[in-house]
Each structure stands twice: as structure tokens, then as C-alpha cells.
Amino acid sequence: MIQTQVALPERLDLLLASLATDQGKKKEDIIVDAVEAYVQKPRTQEEILALRRAGFGMWKDRTDLPDFDALRKTMDRKLNWDDDR
């Protein structure tokens, strides 16, 4: 393997160290994984469709999520057109 020196902002280095600790990996391994993902060949339309199909329904039957309809209603603006006159 060829060694390459990379300069990272302190913020990214701290995030990288945290990610490496969480995953039980070395920072170097996390960087290699990230570069491989970045330069990976573009996906074909068939691959993209297969990934979308694999993810379909992933939220179904989840009990740890909030009631999104109720949450959305709390964000609705109350418009009273008579107040603008």
C-alpha cells in the first residue's frame, strides 16, 4: 500500500477520531473506506433501482419514531386572513 499524507482541518480530524473509535477501526482505515466510496464507479440505473427497492418499506413497523402526522400539524401555520386587514 502506498502511504499518502493528508492535511485535515482540526474539526474533521476530531470527527474522524470519534468515528474510528466508534467503529473500532484506525483513522487510516476510515480514510481508505471514504476514498474508495468517493472514487467508486458510477452506479447504473439498474443498480440504483435495486438499491431503492431494497430500501422500500424500511420504516414500516418501526415503533421508535414519532407520529409524523401529529408532528407536521404542530408546524402548520395558523392563517387568519381577516387579521391582515
N, C-alpha and C. Protein backbone atom coordinates (compact mmCIF):
# COMPACT_ATOMS: atom_id res chain seq x y z
N MET A 1 0.85 -1.17 0.00
CA MET A 1 0.00 0.00 0.00
C MET A 1 0.90 1.24 0.00
N ILE A 2 0.51 2.24 -0.74
CA ILE A 2 1.26 3.50 -0.81
C ILE A 2 0.78 4.41 0.30
N GLN A 3 1.73 5.03 0.99
CA GLN A 3 1.36 5.98 2.04
C GLN A 3 1.25 7.37 1.43
N THR A 4 0.22 8.08 1.85
CA THR A 4 -0.03 9.45 1.41
C THR A 4 -0.35 10.30 2.62
N GLN A 5 0.24 11.47 2.65
CA GLN A 5 -0.02 12.37 3.76
C GLN A 5 -1.21 13.26 3.41
N VAL A 6 -2.11 13.42 4.36
CA VAL A 6 -3.31 14.23 4.14
C VAL A 6 -3.42 15.24 5.27
N ALA A 7 -3.65 16.50 4.92
CA ALA A 7 -3.86 17.55 5.93
C ALA A 7 -5.36 17.75 6.09
N LEU A 8 -5.83 17.63 7.34
CA LEU A 8 -7.25 17.79 7.63
C LEU A 8 -7.44 18.94 8.61
N PRO A 9 -8.53 19.68 8.46
CA PRO A 9 -8.86 20.66 9.49
C PRO A 9 -9.07 19.94 10.83
N GLU A 10 -8.82 20.62 11.92
CA GLU A 10 -8.91 20.01 13.24
C GLU A 10 -10.30 19.41 13.48
N ARG A 11 -11.33 20.11 13.03
CA ARG A 11 -12.70 19.64 13.22
C ARG A 11 -12.90 18.27 12.56
N LEU A 12 -12.40 18.10 11.33
CA LEU A 12 -12.55 16.82 10.65
C LEU A 12 -11.72 15.74 11.31
N ASP A 13 -10.54 16.10 11.79
CA ASP A 13 -9.69 15.12 12.46
C ASP A 13 -10.37 14.60 13.73
N LEU A 14 -11.02 15.51 14.47
CA LEU A 14 -11.73 15.10 15.68
C LEU A 14 -12.91 14.19 15.34
N LEU A 15 -13.65 14.54 14.29
CA LEU A 15 -14.77 13.70 13.85
C LEU A 15 -14.28 12.34 13.38
N LEU A 16 -13.16 12.34 12.66
CA LEU A 16 -12.58 11.11 12.17
C LEU A 16 -12.14 10.22 13.33
N ALA A 17 -11.50 10.81 14.33
CA ALA A 17 -11.06 10.04 15.50
C ALA A 17 -12.26 9.45 16.24
N SER A 18 -13.32 10.22 16.37
CA SER A 18 -14.53 9.74 17.03
C SER A 18 -15.15 8.58 16.25
N LEU A 19 -15.22 8.74 14.94
CA LEU A 19 -15.78 7.69 14.09
C LEU A 19 -14.94 6.42 14.17
N ALA A 20 -13.64 6.57 14.17
CA ALA A 20 -12.75 5.41 14.26
C ALA A 20 -12.95 4.69 15.60
N THR A 21 -13.07 5.45 16.68
CA THR A 21 -13.29 4.85 17.99
C THR A 21 -14.62 4.11 18.02
N ASP A 22 -15.67 4.74 17.49
CA ASP A 22 -17.00 4.12 17.47
C ASP A 22 -17.01 2.82 16.68
N GLN A 23 -16.23 2.78 15.59
CA GLN A 23 -16.24 1.59 14.72
C GLN A 23 -15.13 0.60 15.07
N GLY A 24 -14.29 0.96 16.01
CA GLY A 24 -13.19 0.07 16.38
C GLY A 24 -12.16 -0.07 15.28
N LYS A 25 -11.97 0.98 14.51
CA LYS A 25 -11.01 0.97 13.40
C LYS A 25 -9.95 2.03 13.62
N LYS A 26 -8.91 1.98 12.79
CA LYS A 26 -7.90 3.04 12.79
C LYS A 26 -8.40 4.16 11.88
N LYS A 27 -7.92 5.37 12.15
CA LYS A 27 -8.32 6.51 11.31
C LYS A 27 -7.93 6.25 9.85
N GLU A 28 -6.78 5.63 9.65
CA GLU A 28 -6.32 5.35 8.28
C GLU A 28 -7.32 4.48 7.53
N ASP A 29 -7.90 3.49 8.24
CA ASP A 29 -8.87 2.61 7.60
C ASP A 29 -10.15 3.35 7.22
N ILE A 30 -10.56 4.26 8.08
CA ILE A 30 -11.76 5.06 7.78
C ILE A 30 -11.51 5.92 6.55
N ILE A 31 -10.32 6.50 6.46
CA ILE A 31 -9.98 7.35 5.30
C ILE A 31 -9.96 6.52 4.02
N VAL A 32 -9.36 5.32 4.07
CA VAL A 32 -9.33 4.46 2.88
C VAL A 32 -10.75 4.11 2.45
N ASP A 33 -11.60 3.75 3.41
CA ASP A 33 -13.00 3.43 3.08
C ASP A 33 -13.70 4.62 2.42
N ALA A 34 -13.45 5.82 2.94
CA ALA A 34 -14.09 7.01 2.41
C ALA A 34 -13.61 7.31 0.99
N VAL A 35 -12.32 7.17 0.75
CA VAL A 35 -11.78 7.44 -0.59
C VAL A 35 -12.29 6.41 -1.58
N GLU A 36 -12.34 5.14 -1.15
CA GLU A 36 -12.88 4.11 -2.04
C GLU A 36 -14.33 4.39 -2.42
N ALA A 37 -15.12 4.82 -1.46
CA ALA A 37 -16.52 5.14 -1.73
C ALA A 37 -16.63 6.34 -2.66
N TYR A 38 -15.71 7.30 -2.51
CA TYR A 38 -15.76 8.52 -3.32
C TYR A 38 -15.40 8.26 -4.77
N VAL A 39 -14.41 7.40 -5.00
CA VAL A 39 -13.95 7.18 -6.38
C VAL A 39 -14.60 5.97 -7.03
N GLN A 40 -15.52 5.35 -6.31
CA GLN A 40 -16.22 4.17 -6.84
C GLN A 40 -16.89 4.53 -8.16
N LYS A 41 -16.97 3.54 -9.05
CA LYS A 41 -17.58 3.78 -10.36
C LYS A 41 -19.03 4.24 -10.19
N PRO A 42 -19.49 5.07 -11.10
CA PRO A 42 -20.90 5.50 -11.03
C PRO A 42 -21.83 4.29 -11.15
N ARG A 43 -22.92 4.34 -10.47
CA ARG A 43 -23.88 3.24 -10.49
C ARG A 43 -24.74 3.31 -11.74
N THR A 44 -25.12 2.15 -12.22
CA THR A 44 -26.03 2.09 -13.36
C THR A 44 -27.45 2.34 -12.87
N GLN A 45 -28.35 2.60 -13.79
CA GLN A 45 -29.75 2.81 -13.43
C GLN A 45 -30.33 1.57 -12.77
N GLU A 46 -29.90 0.39 -13.23
CA GLU A 46 -30.38 -0.85 -12.64
C GLU A 46 -29.92 -0.99 -11.18
N GLU A 47 -28.66 -0.63 -10.91
CA GLU A 47 -28.15 -0.70 -9.54
C GLU A 47 -28.89 0.27 -8.63
N ILE A 48 -29.14 1.47 -9.13
CA ILE A 48 -29.86 2.47 -8.35
C ILE A 48 -31.27 1.98 -8.03
N LEU A 49 -31.94 1.42 -9.03
CA LEU A 49 -33.29 0.88 -8.82
C LEU A 49 -33.28 -0.26 -7.81
N ALA A 50 -32.28 -1.14 -7.89
CA ALA A 50 -32.18 -2.24 -6.94
C ALA A 50 -31.97 -1.72 -5.52
N LEU A 51 -31.17 -0.69 -5.35
CA LEU A 51 -30.95 -0.11 -4.03
C LEU A 51 -32.22 0.53 -3.50
N ARG A 52 -32.96 1.21 -4.37
CA ARG A 52 -34.22 1.82 -3.94
C ARG A 52 -35.22 0.76 -3.52
N ARG A 53 -35.29 -0.32 -4.29
CA ARG A 53 -36.21 -1.40 -3.95
C ARG A 53 -35.82 -2.06 -2.63
N ALA A 54 -34.52 -2.20 -2.39
CA ALA A 54 -34.05 -2.81 -1.15
C ALA A 54 -34.43 -1.96 0.06
N GLY A 55 -34.47 -0.63 -0.13
CA GLY A 55 -34.81 0.26 0.97
C GLY A 55 -36.30 0.49 1.15
N PHE A 56 -37.09 0.05 0.19
CA PHE A 56 -38.53 0.26 0.25
C PHE A 56 -39.12 -0.40 1.49
N GLY A 57 -39.87 0.35 2.25
CA GLY A 57 -40.55 -0.18 3.42
C GLY A 57 -39.67 -0.27 4.66
N MET A 58 -38.48 0.31 4.60
CA MET A 58 -37.57 0.17 5.74
C MET A 58 -38.10 0.83 7.00
N TRP A 59 -39.04 1.76 6.87
CA TRP A 59 -39.60 2.44 8.05
C TRP A 59 -40.86 1.75 8.56
N LYS A 60 -41.35 0.78 7.82
CA LYS A 60 -42.59 0.09 8.20
C LYS A 60 -42.41 -0.64 9.53
N ASP A 61 -43.42 -0.55 10.35
CA ASP A 61 -43.47 -1.24 11.64
C ASP A 61 -42.42 -0.75 12.65
N ARG A 62 -41.84 0.41 12.42
CA ARG A 62 -40.90 0.97 13.40
C ARG A 62 -41.71 1.58 14.54
N THR A 63 -41.33 1.30 15.78
CA THR A 63 -42.05 1.83 16.93
C THR A 63 -41.29 2.94 17.63
N ASP A 64 -40.06 3.22 17.18
CA ASP A 64 -39.24 4.22 17.85
C ASP A 64 -39.32 5.60 17.18
N LEU A 65 -40.22 5.75 16.23
CA LEU A 65 -40.35 7.02 15.50
C LEU A 65 -41.56 7.80 16.00
N PRO A 66 -41.47 9.14 15.93
CA PRO A 66 -42.62 9.94 16.36
C PRO A 66 -43.78 9.82 15.38
N ASP A 67 -44.93 10.28 15.79
CA ASP A 67 -46.10 10.35 14.92
C ASP A 67 -45.90 11.54 13.99
N PHE A 68 -45.47 11.27 12.74
CA PHE A 68 -45.10 12.35 11.83
C PHE A 68 -46.29 13.21 11.43
N ASP A 69 -47.49 12.63 11.36
CA ASP A 69 -48.66 13.44 11.03
C ASP A 69 -48.93 14.46 12.14
N ALA A 70 -48.84 14.02 13.38
CA ALA A 70 -49.05 14.94 14.51
C ALA A 70 -47.94 15.98 14.56
N LEU A 71 -46.72 15.56 14.31
CA LEU A 71 -45.59 16.49 14.31
C LEU A 71 -45.76 17.54 13.22
N ARG A 72 -46.19 17.10 12.05
CA ARG A 72 -46.38 18.02 10.93
C ARG A 72 -47.47 19.04 11.25
N LYS A 73 -48.54 18.60 11.89
CA LYS A 73 -49.64 19.51 12.22
C LYS A 73 -49.20 20.59 13.20
N THR A 74 -48.24 20.28 14.07
CA THR A 74 -47.76 21.30 15.01
C THR A 74 -46.97 22.39 14.29
N MET A 75 -46.53 22.10 13.07
CA MET A 75 -45.74 23.08 12.32
C MET A 75 -46.57 23.88 11.33
N ASP A 76 -47.81 23.49 11.15
CA ASP A 76 -48.68 24.23 10.24
C ASP A 76 -48.89 25.65 10.76
N ARG A 77 -48.81 26.60 9.86
CA ARG A 77 -49.06 27.98 10.27
C ARG A 77 -50.56 28.19 10.35
N LYS A 78 -50.94 28.92 11.36
CA LYS A 78 -52.35 29.28 11.50
C LYS A 78 -52.54 30.61 10.77
N LEU A 79 -53.27 30.57 9.70
CA LEU A 79 -53.51 31.78 8.92
C LEU A 79 -54.93 32.26 9.15
N ASN A 80 -55.02 33.47 9.56
CA ASN A 80 -56.32 34.09 9.72
C ASN A 80 -56.32 35.31 8.81
N TRP A 81 -56.93 35.17 7.65
CA TRP A 81 -56.88 36.21 6.63
C TRP A 81 -57.56 37.48 7.11
N ASP A 82 -58.50 37.40 8.03
CA ASP A 82 -59.19 38.60 8.50
C ASP A 82 -58.28 39.50 9.34
N ASP A 83 -57.25 38.95 9.93
CA ASP A 83 -56.34 39.74 10.74
C ASP A 83 -55.44 40.64 9.90
N ASP A 84 -55.30 40.35 8.61
CA ASP A 84 -54.42 41.14 7.77
C ASP A 84 -55.06 42.44 7.29
N ARG A 85 -56.30 42.62 7.55
CA ARG A 85 -56.97 43.83 7.04
C ARG A 85 -56.92 44.95 8.01
